[in-house]
Amino acid sequence: MESVALTKAERLAAFVNWPVVHEGMDALGLDAIVAFSAAATYYFSGCFNEQQLYVRDRPSMVVVPRTGEPTYIVCNSEEPLARATAWVTDVRSYVSHFSPIEALANVLAERGLDHARLGLETEFLPIAFYGELASRVPQATLLEADPALQRARWVKMPAEIERIQHAVVTSDQAVHAAWQRCHVGDTEKQVQTRMIEELARRGADRFLMRVASGPDTGISHHDPSERQLAKSDVVTSVFGGWWDFYWGDNERMGTVGPATAEQRERYGVVYEALTKTIDAIKPGIETRELYTLPKAIFEQHGDTSRRPHMGHGMPRTRGHEDPMIQPHVRTVLEPNMVFVLEQSYRAAGERYTLSRLVQVTPTGHQVLDDWWDLKEMFVFD
C-alpha cells in the first residue's frame, strides 16, 4: 500500500490502464467511451457509488474522451460523495427526477462529442436509456465499447494489483487468527462472528462470510447456521473483507481435530488440481485451459459434476470479472491479468474447496496469497 498520498491526477494515472484504453478506442475508431456500470464508473472515476447497484434510474456515468480529462456525471444526491472521493475533477450532476440521459447529452454537446463516434458500455445500458440517448444525439454514431473497457480492466496496473493482494492476504490473516479462537462445540455462526471481528480489527469496511461444516459443506454458498462443530467435521469457508472497495474472495478449509485418512486423500485431490493449474499459468495460453486441466483431475477421482466455472478475473468491486475460467472462454492470458482460481471436489456428500490469487507475469505466474500454506487443512481443536 502506498505510503504517501497521491494527487487526483496521479491516482487517475496510477489506477487506469490508459495505454490499453486508448489502444481499444483506436481499434474501434472511437472519439469517446461512456461507462455506465458500477465497476467501470469506479474504474475511471475512483468513486464507488453503491446506490447505482440498487436504484437503476439514478445511474452514474463517465464520459472518457480520447483526449482530455473524463467527466463524471452523478445524481445530485451523490455529488458530495463524488467531489470528496473521485479522482476526476470535472464532476456534473442531475436532479434525480429529471433525465440522467439529458445530462449526459448536454455534456457530450458541451465537449463537442454530440457528432462523434461514441463507444457505449452496452452490457449495462438499459434499452430505454439507449433509445433516449440516440434521440438526443442523433448525429452521433453509437457503438459497442465493451471489449475495449473489459481488456483495460483485465490487465491490471501495479497499484491495483497491490490493493487486491492486500485485501486477499489480510483476509487470510484475519480468518486464520479467528479460527485459532474456535473450538469443538462452537456454532457456525460463532465462527462467522469471530471471523468478522478479526477482519474489523484489520480495518475492513465490510465483509463476505460463508461457513459450512460437516454435511453442510455440500451446499455451495451456505449461510452459517446454529450447527455445532463436531469431532471429525470438515469445515469450509468462502470469505473476504473490503478495503476501499477492493475485496478478498478466499476459500479455505479445516477439520475439527486431526483429519482422517479419507479426508486427507480427498483434500489432496483438490490441492493437486489447484497446484497443477497454477503451474500451467503463463502468457499465451487460453483461459479455458485452466478449466479443462482440473476438470480432468476431478473426473479421474470420480467427480463428474458440472461446474459453472473454475475461477474468474478479480475486479475492484465484489463479484466476478471476465475472463471467466470456463470451458468455452478462449481469451488469451496476458501479463498482469489477475485470477482467483477456485477448485472444488465433491466426495461422500462433502465439498472440498480451495482458492489461490495468481498474477500472470511476462514469463509465467506469481502466487499473490501464499501467506496461508495450503498443503494441509487447518485443524480446529
Protein backbone atom coordinates (compact mmCIF):
# COMPACT_ATOMS: atom_id res chain seq x y z
CA MET A 1 0.00 0.00 0.00
CA GLU A 2 1.24 3.49 -0.85
CA SER A 3 2.91 5.42 1.97
CA VAL A 4 2.34 8.91 0.54
CA ALA A 5 -0.89 10.50 -0.62
CA LEU A 6 -1.30 10.85 -4.37
CA THR A 7 -2.95 13.78 -6.10
CA LYS A 8 -6.11 13.16 -8.09
CA ALA A 9 -4.18 13.29 -11.35
CA GLU A 10 -1.58 10.86 -10.02
CA ARG A 11 -4.27 8.41 -8.91
CA LEU A 12 -6.00 8.64 -12.28
CA ALA A 13 -2.68 7.80 -13.94
CA ALA A 14 -1.80 5.02 -11.47
CA PHE A 15 -5.08 3.09 -11.46
CA VAL A 16 -6.34 3.34 -15.05
CA ASN A 17 -4.54 1.42 -17.79
CA TRP A 18 -4.60 4.28 -20.27
CA PRO A 19 -2.41 2.63 -22.94
CA VAL A 20 -4.88 -0.28 -23.19
CA VAL A 21 -7.89 2.06 -23.05
CA HIS A 22 -6.53 4.14 -25.91
CA GLU A 23 -5.47 1.10 -27.91
CA GLY A 24 -9.02 -0.25 -27.65
CA MET A 25 -10.55 3.09 -28.59
CA ASP A 26 -8.26 3.48 -31.59
CA ALA A 27 -9.02 -0.06 -32.80
CA LEU A 28 -12.74 0.80 -32.82
CA GLY A 29 -12.24 4.35 -34.11
CA LEU A 30 -13.88 5.90 -31.03
CA ASP A 31 -13.80 9.55 -30.05
CA ALA A 32 -15.07 8.78 -26.56
CA ILE A 33 -16.30 5.99 -24.30
CA VAL A 34 -19.30 6.28 -21.97
CA ALA A 35 -19.15 3.96 -18.95
CA PHE A 36 -22.37 3.02 -17.11
CA SER A 37 -21.70 0.06 -14.78
CA ALA A 38 -20.70 0.47 -11.13
CA ALA A 39 -17.42 -1.32 -11.83
CA ALA A 40 -16.49 0.74 -14.90
CA THR A 41 -17.52 4.10 -13.45
CA TYR A 42 -15.48 3.29 -10.34
CA TYR A 43 -12.58 2.28 -12.58
CA PHE A 44 -12.45 5.66 -14.32
CA SER A 45 -13.62 7.96 -11.52
CA GLY A 46 -12.24 6.42 -8.32
CA CYS A 47 -15.66 6.88 -6.69
CA PHE A 48 -17.79 3.85 -5.88
CA ASN A 49 -21.47 4.78 -5.93
CA GLU A 50 -23.20 1.83 -4.28
CA GLN A 51 -26.65 3.32 -4.94
CA GLN A 52 -26.04 2.58 -8.60
CA LEU A 53 -26.44 -1.13 -7.84
CA TYR A 54 -29.94 -0.75 -6.42
CA VAL A 55 -31.53 2.41 -7.86
CA ARG A 56 -31.47 1.86 -11.60
CA ASP A 57 -32.98 5.23 -12.59
CA ARG A 58 -30.13 7.17 -10.93
CA PRO A 59 -27.07 5.97 -12.83
CA SER A 60 -23.58 7.35 -12.58
CA MET A 61 -21.79 7.78 -15.92
CA VAL A 62 -18.26 8.63 -17.01
CA VAL A 63 -17.53 10.23 -20.38
CA VAL A 64 -13.98 9.27 -21.37
CA PRO A 65 -12.77 11.25 -24.42
CA ARG A 66 -9.78 10.07 -26.45
CA THR A 67 -8.02 13.26 -25.41
CA GLY A 68 -8.74 15.29 -22.31
CA GLU A 69 -9.97 14.58 -18.81
CA PRO A 70 -13.01 12.38 -18.15
CA THR A 71 -16.30 13.87 -16.97
CA TYR A 72 -18.13 12.16 -14.10
CA ILE A 73 -21.95 12.54 -14.07
CA VAL A 74 -23.92 11.62 -10.94
CA CYS A 75 -27.29 12.18 -9.34
CA ASN A 76 -27.17 15.36 -7.23
CA SER A 77 -27.68 13.32 -4.05
CA GLU A 78 -24.34 11.62 -4.79
CA GLU A 79 -22.48 14.79 -5.81
CA PRO A 80 -20.86 15.41 -2.38
CA LEU A 81 -19.50 11.84 -2.37
CA ALA A 82 -18.21 12.25 -5.91
CA ARG A 83 -16.45 15.53 -5.19
CA ALA A 84 -14.94 14.13 -1.99
CA THR A 85 -13.62 10.85 -3.37
CA ALA A 86 -13.38 10.91 -7.17
CA TRP A 87 -10.07 11.21 -8.99
CA VAL A 88 -11.87 13.14 -11.74
CA THR A 89 -12.12 16.89 -11.18
CA ASP A 90 -14.89 17.51 -13.75
CA VAL A 91 -17.99 16.36 -11.82
CA ARG A 92 -21.52 17.15 -13.06
CA SER A 93 -24.88 16.31 -11.52
CA TYR A 94 -28.56 15.99 -12.39
CA VAL A 95 -31.66 16.08 -10.20
CA SER A 96 -33.00 12.59 -9.56
CA HIS A 97 -36.46 13.16 -11.03
CA PHE A 98 -35.03 14.56 -14.28
CA SER A 99 -33.47 12.51 -17.07
CA PRO A 100 -29.87 11.37 -16.48
CA ILE A 101 -29.52 10.86 -20.23
CA GLU A 102 -30.38 14.52 -20.81
CA ALA A 103 -27.46 15.40 -18.52
CA LEU A 104 -25.23 13.04 -20.50
CA ALA A 105 -26.33 14.54 -23.82
CA ASN A 106 -25.61 18.04 -22.52
CA VAL A 107 -22.08 17.05 -21.52
CA LEU A 108 -21.50 15.42 -24.91
CA ALA A 109 -22.66 18.59 -26.69
CA GLU A 110 -20.53 20.83 -24.48
CA ARG A 111 -17.45 18.73 -25.16
CA GLY A 112 -18.05 18.61 -28.91
CA LEU A 113 -18.90 14.91 -28.87
CA ASP A 114 -22.55 15.04 -29.97
CA HIS A 115 -21.46 14.29 -33.57
CA ALA A 116 -18.76 11.82 -32.55
CA ARG A 117 -18.24 8.06 -32.60
CA LEU A 118 -19.26 7.08 -29.08
CA GLY A 119 -18.44 3.72 -27.52
CA LEU A 120 -21.08 2.61 -25.01
CA GLU A 121 -20.88 0.02 -22.26
CA THR A 122 -23.83 -1.80 -23.78
CA GLU A 123 -23.77 -4.73 -21.37
CA PHE A 124 -25.05 -2.40 -18.63
CA LEU A 125 -27.05 0.16 -20.63
CA PRO A 126 -30.85 -0.27 -20.40
CA ILE A 127 -32.57 -0.24 -23.79
CA ALA A 128 -34.73 2.72 -22.71
CA PHE A 129 -31.62 4.78 -21.94
CA TYR A 130 -30.07 3.76 -25.25
CA GLY A 131 -33.14 4.87 -27.16
CA GLU A 132 -33.25 8.21 -25.37
CA LEU A 133 -29.55 8.82 -25.99
CA ALA A 134 -29.96 8.05 -29.69
CA SER A 135 -32.78 10.59 -29.91
CA ARG A 136 -30.88 13.29 -28.02
CA VAL A 137 -27.63 12.97 -30.03
CA PRO A 138 -28.96 11.86 -33.45
CA GLN A 139 -25.78 12.89 -35.27
CA ALA A 140 -23.57 10.70 -33.08
CA THR A 141 -22.60 7.15 -34.04
CA LEU A 142 -23.33 4.82 -31.11
CA LEU A 143 -21.13 1.73 -30.95
CA GLU A 144 -20.34 -1.10 -28.56
CA ALA A 145 -17.22 -0.43 -26.49
CA ASP A 146 -17.38 -3.35 -24.06
CA PRO A 147 -14.26 -5.15 -25.45
CA ALA A 148 -12.11 -2.03 -25.02
CA LEU A 149 -13.38 -1.46 -21.48
CA GLN A 150 -13.01 -5.08 -20.48
CA ARG A 151 -9.41 -5.54 -21.58
CA ALA A 152 -8.33 -2.35 -19.82
CA ARG A 153 -9.79 -3.69 -16.58
CA TRP A 154 -8.40 -7.20 -17.10
CA VAL A 155 -4.81 -6.04 -17.49
CA LYS A 156 -4.16 -4.56 -14.06
CA MET A 157 -1.98 -1.65 -13.08
CA PRO A 158 0.63 -2.30 -10.34
CA ALA A 159 -1.20 -0.08 -7.83
CA GLU A 160 -4.38 -2.05 -8.36
CA ILE A 161 -2.65 -5.42 -8.01
CA GLU A 162 -1.16 -4.21 -4.73
CA ARG A 163 -4.61 -3.42 -3.34
CA ILE A 164 -6.17 -6.68 -4.48
CA GLN A 165 -3.30 -8.59 -2.88
CA HIS A 166 -3.68 -6.63 0.34
CA ALA A 167 -7.39 -7.45 0.55
CA VAL A 168 -6.88 -11.17 -0.07
CA VAL A 169 -3.85 -11.65 2.20
CA THR A 170 -5.26 -9.55 5.04
CA SER A 171 -8.50 -11.54 4.82
CA ASP A 172 -6.46 -14.74 5.17
CA GLN A 173 -4.57 -13.38 8.19
CA ALA A 174 -7.79 -12.32 9.87
CA VAL A 175 -9.58 -15.61 9.34
CA HIS A 176 -6.56 -17.69 10.38
CA ALA A 177 -6.48 -15.73 13.65
CA ALA A 178 -10.25 -16.18 14.08
CA TRP A 179 -10.10 -19.92 13.51
CA GLN A 180 -7.46 -20.23 16.24
CA ARG A 181 -10.17 -18.92 18.62
CA CYS A 182 -12.73 -21.55 17.53
CA HIS A 183 -13.23 -24.98 19.04
CA VAL A 184 -15.37 -28.11 19.10
CA GLY A 185 -18.94 -27.16 20.07
CA ASP A 186 -18.84 -23.67 18.59
CA THR A 187 -21.61 -22.98 16.11
CA GLU A 188 -21.06 -21.96 12.50
CA LYS A 189 -22.48 -18.55 13.41
CA GLN A 190 -19.98 -18.17 16.24
CA VAL A 191 -17.15 -18.99 13.85
CA GLN A 192 -18.53 -16.36 11.46
CA THR A 193 -18.71 -13.75 14.24
CA ARG A 194 -15.05 -14.25 15.18
CA MET A 195 -14.04 -14.01 11.52
CA ILE A 196 -15.85 -10.68 11.22
CA GLU A 197 -14.26 -9.44 14.45
CA GLU A 198 -10.75 -10.16 13.15
CA LEU A 199 -11.46 -8.56 9.79
CA ALA A 200 -12.81 -5.45 11.52
CA ARG A 201 -9.68 -5.23 13.69
CA ARG A 202 -7.66 -5.05 10.48
CA GLY A 203 -9.71 -2.19 9.08
CA ALA A 204 -12.09 -3.96 6.69
CA ASP A 205 -15.04 -1.79 5.64
CA ARG A 206 -17.45 -4.70 5.06
CA PHE A 207 -17.47 -8.47 4.82
CA LEU A 208 -18.33 -11.55 2.77
CA MET A 209 -18.72 -14.58 5.01
CA ARG A 210 -19.84 -18.16 4.35
CA VAL A 211 -19.15 -21.01 6.78
CA ALA A 212 -20.21 -24.65 6.48
CA SER A 213 -19.37 -27.74 8.49
CA GLY A 214 -20.00 -31.48 8.19
CA PRO A 215 -22.89 -32.25 5.81
CA ASP A 216 -23.43 -28.51 5.23
CA THR A 217 -20.20 -28.39 3.17
CA GLY A 218 -22.05 -29.98 0.28
CA ILE A 219 -24.16 -26.80 -0.05
CA SER A 220 -22.49 -24.08 -2.11
CA HIS A 221 -22.71 -20.57 -0.60
CA HIS A 222 -24.10 -21.93 2.65
CA ASP A 223 -25.11 -19.31 5.21
CA PRO A 224 -23.79 -20.12 8.70
CA SER A 225 -26.28 -21.88 10.96
CA GLU A 226 -26.56 -22.89 14.61
CA ARG A 227 -24.97 -26.26 13.79
CA GLN A 228 -22.13 -27.00 16.22
CA LEU A 229 -18.67 -28.09 15.09
CA ALA A 230 -18.29 -31.78 15.86
CA LYS A 231 -15.24 -34.00 16.02
CA SER A 232 -14.04 -35.11 12.55
CA ASP A 233 -16.11 -32.47 10.75
CA VAL A 234 -14.78 -30.87 7.61
CA VAL A 235 -15.17 -27.06 7.65
CA THR A 236 -15.24 -24.88 4.54
CA SER A 237 -15.46 -21.13 4.20
CA VAL A 238 -15.72 -18.53 1.45
CA PHE A 239 -14.79 -15.14 2.87
CA GLY A 240 -13.26 -11.77 2.29
CA GLY A 241 -13.05 -8.24 3.57
CA TRP A 242 -13.30 -4.95 1.69
CA TRP A 243 -10.66 -2.24 1.88
CA ASP A 244 -11.53 0.82 -0.21
CA PHE A 245 -13.83 -1.49 -2.23
CA TYR A 246 -11.01 -3.88 -3.11
CA TRP A 247 -12.08 -7.23 -1.74
CA GLY A 248 -10.91 -10.71 -0.87
CA ASP A 249 -12.53 -13.80 -2.39
CA ASN A 250 -10.89 -16.60 -0.44
CA GLU A 251 -11.79 -20.27 0.00
CA ARG A 252 -10.16 -22.20 2.85
CA MET A 253 -10.73 -25.48 4.69
CA GLY A 254 -10.21 -27.09 8.04
CA THR A 255 -11.07 -30.17 10.06
CA VAL A 256 -12.30 -30.43 13.63
CA GLY A 257 -9.50 -32.44 15.19
CA PRO A 258 -6.89 -34.22 13.05
CA ALA A 259 -8.06 -35.12 9.55
CA THR A 260 -8.91 -38.73 8.82
CA ALA A 261 -7.05 -40.63 6.11
CA GLU A 262 -10.07 -40.27 3.79
CA GLN A 263 -10.27 -36.54 4.41
CA ARG A 264 -6.55 -36.08 3.71
CA GLU A 265 -6.91 -38.07 0.49
CA ARG A 266 -9.88 -36.01 -0.73
CA TYR A 267 -8.18 -32.76 0.20
CA GLY A 268 -5.12 -33.97 -1.69
CA VAL A 269 -7.21 -34.19 -4.87
CA VAL A 270 -8.30 -30.55 -4.77
CA TYR A 271 -4.81 -29.42 -3.73
CA GLU A 272 -3.28 -31.32 -6.66
CA ALA A 273 -5.76 -29.77 -9.08
CA LEU A 274 -5.04 -26.29 -7.73
CA THR A 275 -1.25 -26.58 -7.82
CA LYS A 276 -1.18 -28.10 -11.31
CA THR A 277 -3.48 -25.38 -12.61
CA ILE A 278 -1.21 -22.71 -11.11
CA ASP A 279 1.81 -24.36 -12.75
CA ALA A 280 0.11 -24.10 -16.15
CA ILE A 281 -0.44 -20.34 -15.99
CA LYS A 282 1.64 -18.31 -18.44
CA PRO A 283 1.05 -15.72 -21.15
CA GLY A 284 -0.28 -17.07 -24.42
CA ILE A 285 -2.47 -19.92 -23.19
CA GLU A 286 -6.24 -19.75 -23.48
CA THR A 287 -8.32 -19.23 -20.35
CA ARG A 288 -10.31 -22.42 -20.98
CA GLU A 289 -7.17 -24.50 -20.36
CA LEU A 290 -7.41 -23.51 -16.69
CA TYR A 291 -10.81 -25.21 -16.65
CA THR A 292 -10.10 -28.39 -18.56
CA LEU A 293 -6.96 -29.29 -16.56
CA PRO A 294 -8.54 -29.51 -13.06
CA LYS A 295 -11.75 -30.93 -14.51
CA ALA A 296 -9.79 -33.92 -15.82
CA ILE A 297 -8.20 -34.47 -12.41
CA PHE A 298 -11.55 -34.39 -10.62
CA GLU A 299 -13.08 -36.80 -13.13
CA GLN A 300 -10.19 -39.23 -12.60
CA HIS A 301 -11.22 -39.30 -8.95
CA GLY A 302 -14.91 -39.87 -9.64
CA ASP A 303 -16.30 -36.32 -9.52
CA THR A 304 -18.08 -35.66 -12.82
CA SER A 305 -20.27 -32.81 -11.55
CA ARG A 306 -20.68 -29.83 -13.88
CA ARG A 307 -19.12 -26.62 -12.59
CA PRO A 308 -20.18 -23.14 -13.73
CA HIS A 309 -16.55 -22.03 -13.61
CA MET A 310 -13.14 -22.76 -12.04
CA GLY A 311 -12.35 -19.17 -11.13
CA HIS A 312 -12.51 -15.67 -12.51
CA GLY A 313 -10.75 -12.39 -13.05
CA MET A 314 -10.52 -10.24 -9.93
CA PRO A 315 -12.46 -6.96 -10.05
CA ARG A 316 -12.17 -3.92 -7.84
CA THR A 317 -15.73 -4.37 -6.61
CA ARG A 318 -17.42 -7.50 -5.30
CA GLY A 319 -18.28 -10.11 -7.88
CA HIS A 320 -16.68 -11.84 -10.83
CA GLU A 321 -14.79 -10.25 -13.68
CA ASP A 322 -14.02 -11.68 -17.08
CA PRO A 323 -12.20 -13.64 -18.25
CA MET A 324 -14.22 -16.32 -16.51
CA ILE A 325 -12.46 -19.68 -16.25
CA GLN A 326 -14.99 -21.65 -18.26
CA PRO A 327 -14.67 -24.31 -20.99
CA HIS A 328 -15.70 -22.02 -23.87
CA VAL A 329 -13.57 -18.96 -23.00
CA ARG A 330 -10.70 -18.58 -25.46
CA THR A 331 -9.32 -15.29 -24.13
CA VAL A 332 -5.53 -15.44 -24.22
CA LEU A 333 -3.71 -14.75 -20.96
CA GLU A 334 -1.62 -11.57 -20.81
CA PRO A 335 0.87 -10.28 -18.23
CA ASN A 336 -0.78 -8.51 -15.27
CA MET A 337 -4.07 -10.32 -15.57
CA VAL A 338 -5.07 -11.45 -12.06
CA PHE A 339 -7.21 -14.53 -11.43
CA VAL A 340 -8.79 -16.18 -8.43
CA LEU A 341 -8.56 -19.92 -9.11
CA GLU A 342 -11.43 -21.74 -7.39
CA GLN A 343 -11.21 -25.52 -7.22
CA SER A 344 -13.80 -27.78 -5.64
CA TYR A 345 -14.05 -31.57 -5.35
CA ARG A 346 -17.14 -33.42 -4.18
CA ALA A 347 -16.92 -36.77 -2.43
CA ALA A 348 -19.14 -38.61 0.08
CA GLY A 349 -21.55 -35.68 0.26
CA GLU A 350 -18.84 -33.21 1.21
CA ARG A 351 -17.26 -30.40 -0.80
CA TYR A 352 -13.53 -29.78 -0.63
CA THR A 353 -12.65 -26.32 -1.91
CA LEU A 354 -9.60 -24.05 -2.24
CA SER A 355 -8.63 -20.84 -3.98
CA ARG A 356 -5.46 -19.01 -4.93
CA LEU A 357 -4.86 -15.46 -6.20
CA VAL A 358 -2.48 -15.60 -9.15
CA GLN A 359 -0.95 -12.90 -11.33
CA VAL A 360 0.14 -13.64 -14.89
CA THR A 361 3.75 -12.42 -15.34
CA PRO A 362 5.77 -11.92 -18.55
CA THR A 363 7.44 -15.32 -18.06
CA GLY A 364 4.79 -17.29 -16.17
CA HIS A 365 2.93 -16.50 -12.97
CA GLN A 366 3.20 -15.35 -9.37
CA VAL A 367 1.06 -16.54 -6.46
CA LEU A 368 -0.02 -13.45 -4.55
CA ASP A 369 -1.63 -15.08 -1.50
CA ASP A 370 0.92 -17.66 -0.35
CA TRP A 371 0.80 -16.40 3.26
CA TRP A 372 -1.54 -19.31 4.15
CA ASP A 373 0.17 -22.64 3.50
CA LEU A 374 -2.49 -24.84 1.89
CA LYS A 375 -0.61 -28.14 1.92
CA GLU A 376 -2.61 -29.27 4.93
CA MET A 377 -6.05 -28.32 6.22
CA PHE A 378 -6.34 -26.07 9.26
CA VAL A 379 -7.09 -28.03 12.44
CA PHE A 380 -9.74 -26.77 14.88
CA ASP A 381 -9.05 -28.18 18.34
